[in-house]
C-alpha atoms as a PDB file:
ATOM      1  CA  MET A   1     -12.781  -5.322 -11.241  1.00  0.00           C
ATOM      2  CA  ILE A   2      -9.399  -4.889 -12.948  1.00  0.00           C
ATOM      3  CA  VAL A   3      -6.008  -4.573 -11.269  1.00  0.00           C
ATOM      4  CA  ARG A   4      -3.216  -3.012 -13.316  1.00  0.00           C
ATOM      5  CA  ARG A   5       0.217  -1.559 -12.870  1.00  0.00           C
ATOM      6  CA  VAL A   6       0.617   2.177 -13.428  1.00  0.00           C
ATOM      7  CA  GLU A   7       4.038   2.779 -14.950  1.00  0.00           C
ATOM      8  CA  ALA A   8       3.952   6.608 -15.491  1.00  0.00           C
ATOM      9  CA  ALA A   9       1.886   9.534 -14.399  1.00  0.00           C
ATOM     10  CA  GLU A  10      -1.696   9.182 -15.439  1.00  0.00           C
ATOM     11  CA  PRO A  11      -3.465  12.550 -14.813  1.00  0.00           C
ATOM     12  CA  LEU A  12      -6.876  10.956 -15.419  1.00  0.00           C
ATOM     13  CA  LEU A  13      -6.288   8.764 -12.315  1.00  0.00           C
ATOM     14  CA  LEU A  14      -5.437  11.658 -10.035  1.00  0.00           C
ATOM     15  CA  ASP A  15      -9.072  12.432  -8.992  1.00  0.00           C
ATOM     16  CA  GLY A  16      -9.810   8.753  -8.164  1.00  0.00           C
ATOM     17  CA  LEU A  17      -6.492   8.302  -6.278  1.00  0.00           C
ATOM     18  CA  CYS A  18      -7.140  11.465  -4.273  1.00  0.00           C
ATOM     19  CA  GLU A  19     -10.692  10.270  -3.381  1.00  0.00           C
ATOM     20  CA  LEU A  20      -9.229   6.875  -2.401  1.00  0.00           C
ATOM     21  CA  LEU A  21      -6.609   8.440  -0.088  1.00  0.00           C
ATOM     22  CA  ILE A  22      -9.143  10.788   1.494  1.00  0.00           C
ATOM     23  CA  ASP A  23     -11.667   7.905   1.967  1.00  0.00           C
ATOM     24  CA  SER A  24      -8.986   5.735   3.559  1.00  0.00           C
ATOM     25  CA  VAL A  25      -7.817   8.407   6.012  1.00  0.00           C
ATOM     26  CA  HIS A  26     -11.312   9.509   6.927  1.00  0.00           C
ATOM     27  CA  GLY A  27     -12.192   5.810   7.414  1.00  0.00           C
ATOM     28  CA  GLY A  28      -9.486   5.480  10.059  1.00  0.00           C
ATOM     29  CA  ALA A  29      -6.535   3.988   8.145  1.00  0.00           C
ATOM     30  CA  SER A  30      -3.249   4.971   9.588  1.00  0.00           C
ATOM     31  CA  VAL A  31      -1.291   5.588   6.416  1.00  0.00           C
ATOM     32  CA  GLY A  32       0.804   8.659   7.198  1.00  0.00           C
ATOM     33  CA  PHE A  33      -1.910  11.424   7.272  1.00  0.00           C
ATOM     34  CA  LEU A  34      -4.157  13.056   9.852  1.00  0.00           C
ATOM     35  CA  ALA A  35      -7.840  13.699   9.410  1.00  0.00           C
ATOM     36  CA  PRO A  36      -9.382  15.802   8.017  1.00  0.00           C
ATOM     37  CA  LEU A  37      -7.149  15.357   4.897  1.00  0.00           C
ATOM     38  CA  ALA A  38      -7.216  18.264   2.517  1.00  0.00           C
ATOM     39  CA  ARG A  39      -7.631  17.613  -1.221  1.00  0.00           C
ATOM     40  CA  SER A  40      -4.439  19.621  -1.866  1.00  0.00           C
ATOM     41  CA  THR A  41      -2.482  17.387   0.461  1.00  0.00           C
ATOM     42  CA  ALA A  42      -3.802  14.270  -1.364  1.00  0.00           C
ATOM     43  CA  GLU A  43      -2.863  15.806  -4.710  1.00  0.00           C
ATOM     44  CA  ARG A  44       0.697  16.610  -3.588  1.00  0.00           C
ATOM     45  CA  TYR A  45       1.095  13.096  -2.264  1.00  0.00           C
ATOM     46  CA  TRP A  46      -0.023  11.428  -5.484  1.00  0.00           C
ATOM     47  CA  SER A  47       1.966  13.851  -7.640  1.00  0.00           C
ATOM     48  CA  GLY A  48       5.042  12.723  -5.677  1.00  0.00           C
ATOM     49  CA  VAL A  49       4.189   9.103  -6.232  1.00  0.00           C
ATOM     50  CA  PHE A  50       3.826   9.717  -9.959  1.00  0.00           C
ATOM     51  CA  GLN A  51       7.244  11.386 -10.031  1.00  0.00           C
ATOM     52  CA  GLY A  52       8.807   8.391  -8.247  1.00  0.00           C
ATOM     53  CA  LEU A  53       7.495   5.736 -10.600  1.00  0.00           C
ATOM     54  CA  GLY A  54       9.984   3.935 -12.761  1.00  0.00           C
ATOM     55  CA  GLU A  55      13.080   1.944 -11.871  1.00  0.00           C
ATOM     56  CA  GLY A  56      12.204   2.193  -8.194  1.00  0.00           C
ATOM     57  CA  LEU A  57       8.651   2.700  -7.001  1.00  0.00           C
ATOM     58  CA  ALA A  58       5.841   0.613  -8.578  1.00  0.00           C
ATOM     59  CA  LEU A  59       2.144   1.290  -8.259  1.00  0.00           C
ATOM     60  CA  TRP A  60      -0.960  -0.829  -8.932  1.00  0.00           C
ATOM     61  CA  VAL A  61      -4.554   0.299  -8.936  1.00  0.00           C
ATOM     62  CA  ALA A  62      -7.761  -1.724  -8.715  1.00  0.00           C
ATOM     63  CA  GLN A  63     -10.565  -0.189 -10.718  1.00  0.00           C
ATOM     64  CA  ASP A  64     -14.281  -0.956 -10.506  1.00  0.00           C
ATOM     65  CA  GLY A  65     -15.348   0.495 -13.837  1.00  0.00           C
ATOM     66  CA  ALA A  66     -13.869   4.057 -13.846  1.00  0.00           C
ATOM     67  CA  ARG A  67     -13.767   4.180 -10.096  1.00  0.00           C
ATOM     68  CA  VAL A  68     -10.461   3.608  -8.260  1.00  0.00           C
ATOM     69  CA  ALA A  69     -11.278   0.961  -5.635  1.00  0.00           C
ATOM     70  CA  GLY A  70      -7.794   0.380  -4.282  1.00  0.00           C
ATOM     71  CA  SER A  71      -4.027   0.754  -4.723  1.00  0.00           C
ATOM     72  CA  VAL A  72      -0.734  -0.490  -3.433  1.00  0.00           C
ATOM     73  CA  GLN A  73       2.927   0.384  -3.977  1.00  0.00           C
ATOM     74  CA  LEU A  74       6.134  -1.551  -3.984  1.00  0.00           C
ATOM     75  CA  ASP A  75       9.531   0.038  -3.180  1.00  0.00           C
ATOM     76  CA  PRO A  76      12.448  -2.261  -4.133  1.00  0.00           C
ATOM     77  CA  CYS A  77      15.538  -1.842  -1.978  1.00  0.00           C
ATOM     78  CA  ALA A  78      18.315  -0.341  -4.128  1.00  0.00           C
ATOM     79  CA  LYS A  79      21.142  -1.121  -1.677  1.00  0.00           C
ATOM     80  CA  GLU A  80      23.624  -3.746  -2.889  1.00  0.00           C
ATOM     81  CA  ASN A  81      22.953  -5.918   0.102  1.00  0.00           C
ATOM     82  CA  GLY A  82      19.200  -5.613  -0.218  1.00  0.00           C
ATOM     83  CA  ARG A  83      18.407  -6.240  -3.837  1.00  0.00           C
ATOM     84  CA  HIS A  84      16.533  -9.373  -2.850  1.00  0.00           C
ATOM     85  CA  ARG A  85      13.927  -7.444  -0.895  1.00  0.00           C
ATOM     86  CA  ALA A  86      11.254  -4.830  -1.362  1.00  0.00           C
ATOM     87  CA  GLU A  87       8.814  -2.946   0.833  1.00  0.00           C
ATOM     88  CA  VAL A  88       5.031  -3.064   0.324  1.00  0.00           C
ATOM     89  CA  GLN A  89       3.609   0.428   0.986  1.00  0.00           C
ATOM     90  CA  LYS A  90       0.265   2.186   1.163  1.00  0.00           C
ATOM     91  CA  LEU A  91      -2.249  -0.567   0.612  1.00  0.00           C
ATOM     92  CA  PHE A  92      -5.491   1.367   0.262  1.00  0.00           C
ATOM     93  CA  VAL A  93      -8.968  -0.067  -0.301  1.00  0.00           C
ATOM     94  CA  ARG A  94     -11.992   2.241  -0.583  1.00  0.00           C
ATOM     95  CA  THR A  95     -14.300   1.692   2.336  1.00  0.00           C
ATOM     96  CA  SER A  96     -17.222   0.772  -0.029  1.00  0.00           C
ATOM     97  CA  HIS A  97     -15.033  -2.044  -1.511  1.00  0.00           C
ATOM     98  CA  ARG A  98     -13.585  -3.622   1.621  1.00  0.00           C
ATOM     99  CA  GLY A  99     -14.303  -7.334   2.148  1.00  0.00           C
ATOM    100  CA  ARG A 100     -14.478  -7.891  -1.636  1.00  0.00           C
ATOM    101  CA  GLY A 101     -11.042  -9.264  -2.277  1.00  0.00           C
ATOM    102  CA  VAL A 102      -9.493  -6.072  -3.524  1.00  0.00           C
ATOM    103  CA  ALA A 103      -6.593  -6.220  -1.097  1.00  0.00           C
ATOM    104  CA  THR A 104      -5.947  -9.866  -1.993  1.00  0.00           C
ATOM    105  CA  ARG A 105      -5.824  -9.106  -5.711  1.00  0.00           C
ATOM    106  CA  LEU A 106      -3.524  -6.156  -5.238  1.00  0.00           C
ATOM    107  CA  LEU A 107      -1.113  -8.089  -3.050  1.00  0.00           C
ATOM    108  CA  ARG A 108      -1.039 -11.034  -5.388  1.00  0.00           C
ATOM    109  CA  GLU A 109      -0.039  -8.632  -8.239  1.00  0.00           C
ATOM    110  CA  VAL A 110       2.742  -7.199  -6.076  1.00  0.00           C
ATOM    111  CA  GLU A 111       4.012 -10.594  -5.046  1.00  0.00           C
ATOM    112  CA  ASP A 112       4.035 -11.924  -8.628  1.00  0.00           C
ATOM    113  CA  PHE A 113       5.868  -8.779  -9.861  1.00  0.00           C
ATOM    114  CA  ALA A 114       8.399  -8.931  -7.027  1.00  0.00           C
ATOM    115  CA  ARG A 115       8.997 -12.678  -7.639  1.00  0.00           C
ATOM    116  CA  ALA A 116       9.521 -12.103 -11.370  1.00  0.00           C
ATOM    117  CA  ALA A 117      11.997  -9.320 -10.526  1.00  0.00           C
ATOM    118  CA  GLY A 118      14.041 -11.645  -8.399  1.00  0.00           C
ATOM    119  CA  ARG A 119      12.867 -10.351  -5.034  1.00  0.00           C
ATOM    120  CA  THR A 120      12.565 -13.058  -2.464  1.00  0.00           C
ATOM    121  CA  LEU A 121      11.580 -11.118   0.622  1.00  0.00           C
ATOM    122  CA  LEU A 122       8.792  -8.543   1.107  1.00  0.00           C
ATOM    123  CA  VAL A 123       8.368  -6.426   4.224  1.00  0.00           C
ATOM    124  CA  LEU A 124       5.658  -3.967   5.402  1.00  0.00           C
ATOM    125  CA  ASP A 125       4.388  -2.224   8.495  1.00  0.00           C
ATOM    126  CA  THR A 126       0.863  -1.544   9.612  1.00  0.00           C
ATOM    127  CA  GLN A 127      -0.964  -0.252  12.659  1.00  0.00           C
ATOM    128  CA  ALA A 128      -0.902  -2.923  15.347  1.00  0.00           C
ATOM    129  CA  GLY A 129      -4.387  -4.189  16.143  1.00  0.00           C
ATOM    130  CA  SER A 130      -5.840  -2.877  12.854  1.00  0.00           C
ATOM    131  CA  HIS A 131      -8.010  -4.976  10.473  1.00  0.00           C
ATOM    132  CA  ALA A 132      -5.082  -4.852   8.045  1.00  0.00           C
ATOM    133  CA  GLU A 133      -3.188  -7.309  10.362  1.00  0.00           C
ATOM    134  CA  VAL A 134      -6.017  -9.857   9.842  1.00  0.00           C
ATOM    135  CA  VAL A 135      -5.666  -9.375   6.033  1.00  0.00           C
ATOM    136  CA  TYR A 136      -1.879  -9.831   6.045  1.00  0.00           C
ATOM    137  CA  ARG A 137      -1.954 -12.926   8.204  1.00  0.00           C
ATOM    138  CA  HIS A 138      -4.719 -14.468   6.122  1.00  0.00           C
ATOM    139  CA  LEU A 139      -2.451 -13.939   3.035  1.00  0.00           C
ATOM    140  CA  GLY A 140       0.551 -15.694   4.629  1.00  0.00           C
ATOM    141  CA  TRP A 141       2.475 -12.798   6.047  1.00  0.00           C
ATOM    142  CA  GLN A 142       4.395 -13.364   9.283  1.00  0.00           C
ATOM    143  CA  ARG A 143       4.472 -10.895  12.108  1.00  0.00           C
ATOM    144  CA  ALA A 144       8.082  -9.944  13.103  1.00  0.00           C
ATOM    145  CA  GLY A 145       7.434  -7.556  15.953  1.00  0.00           C
ATOM    146  CA  GLU A 146       5.927  -4.336  17.171  1.00  0.00           C
ATOM    147  CA  ILE A 147       7.088  -0.816  18.104  1.00  0.00           C
ATOM    148  CA  PRO A 148       4.960   1.093  20.628  1.00  0.00           C
ATOM    149  CA  GLY A 149       3.788   4.648  20.004  1.00  0.00           C
ATOM    150  CA  TYR A 150       5.242   4.589  16.461  1.00  0.00           C
ATOM    151  CA  ALA A 151       2.736   6.561  14.442  1.00  0.00           C
ATOM    152  CA  ALA A 152      -0.330   8.749  14.897  1.00  0.00           C
ATOM    153  CA  ALA A 153      -3.637   7.474  13.545  1.00  0.00           C
ATOM    154  CA  PRO A 154      -5.833   9.876  11.552  1.00  0.00           C
ATOM    155  CA  ASP A 155      -7.328  11.117  14.875  1.00  0.00           C
ATOM    156  CA  GLY A 156      -3.846  11.968  16.155  1.00  0.00           C
ATOM    157  CA  ALA A 157      -3.602   9.256  18.823  1.00  0.00           C
ATOM    158  CA  LEU A 158      -0.293   7.383  18.859  1.00  0.00           C
ATOM    159  CA  HIS A 159      -0.445   3.629  18.142  1.00  0.00           C
ATOM    160  CA  PRO A 160       2.035   0.857  17.832  1.00  0.00           C
ATOM    161  CA  THR A 161       3.123  -0.401  14.494  1.00  0.00           C
ATOM    162  CA  ALA A 162       3.500  -4.081  13.549  1.00  0.00           C
ATOM    163  CA  TYR A 163       6.154  -5.294  11.118  1.00  0.00           C
ATOM    164  CA  TYR A 164       5.444  -8.123   8.740  1.00  0.00           C
ATOM    165  CA  PHE A 165       7.421 -10.116   6.238  1.00  0.00           C
ATOM    166  CA  LYS A 166       6.775 -12.689   3.517  1.00  0.00           C
ATOM    167  CA  VAL A 167       9.383 -14.948   1.958  1.00  0.00           C
ATOM    168  CA  LEU A 168       8.639 -15.568  -1.725  1.00  0.00           C
ATOM    169  CA  ALA A 169       9.366 -18.788  -3.514  1.00  0.00           C
ATOM    170  CA  SER A 170      11.650 -18.330  -6.541  1.00  0.00           C
ATOM    171  CA  ALA A 171      10.028 -17.925  -9.935  1.00  0.00           C
END
């Protein structure tokens, strides 16, 4: 398994990233989409991510051979008063690869990158009560609070979201 940063659009990754997103949504992950997720919707999403890469958005993928097993994004705050923080977004792990350390490896890469870039605070949100909360707590993230009825899960039911943060030690 390799984890690497994607710095520009890689058309050869598009199929694997679309499969990853569809698998995640159909597996119940509340990541901003409803099931069933159309391939065209997944393609539009990833095309937008590719367009946003560069000074702002950063993307990492975990690959098991040629297969995309997971991904995560980091969106650094561009505001003057927030240049010390960044938001972790869209941590996806293919259902067939869950429980194999993929999320841990992806988040370590994000944290190392953020620390090297002078970011000292990371934030994220996730569906309250989801398995993702267990993963984040296990990796040292602290729960800051919860908002009820915040987002719809893939089945359309509204669920609360939990906010987490992690303070990074200086490089």
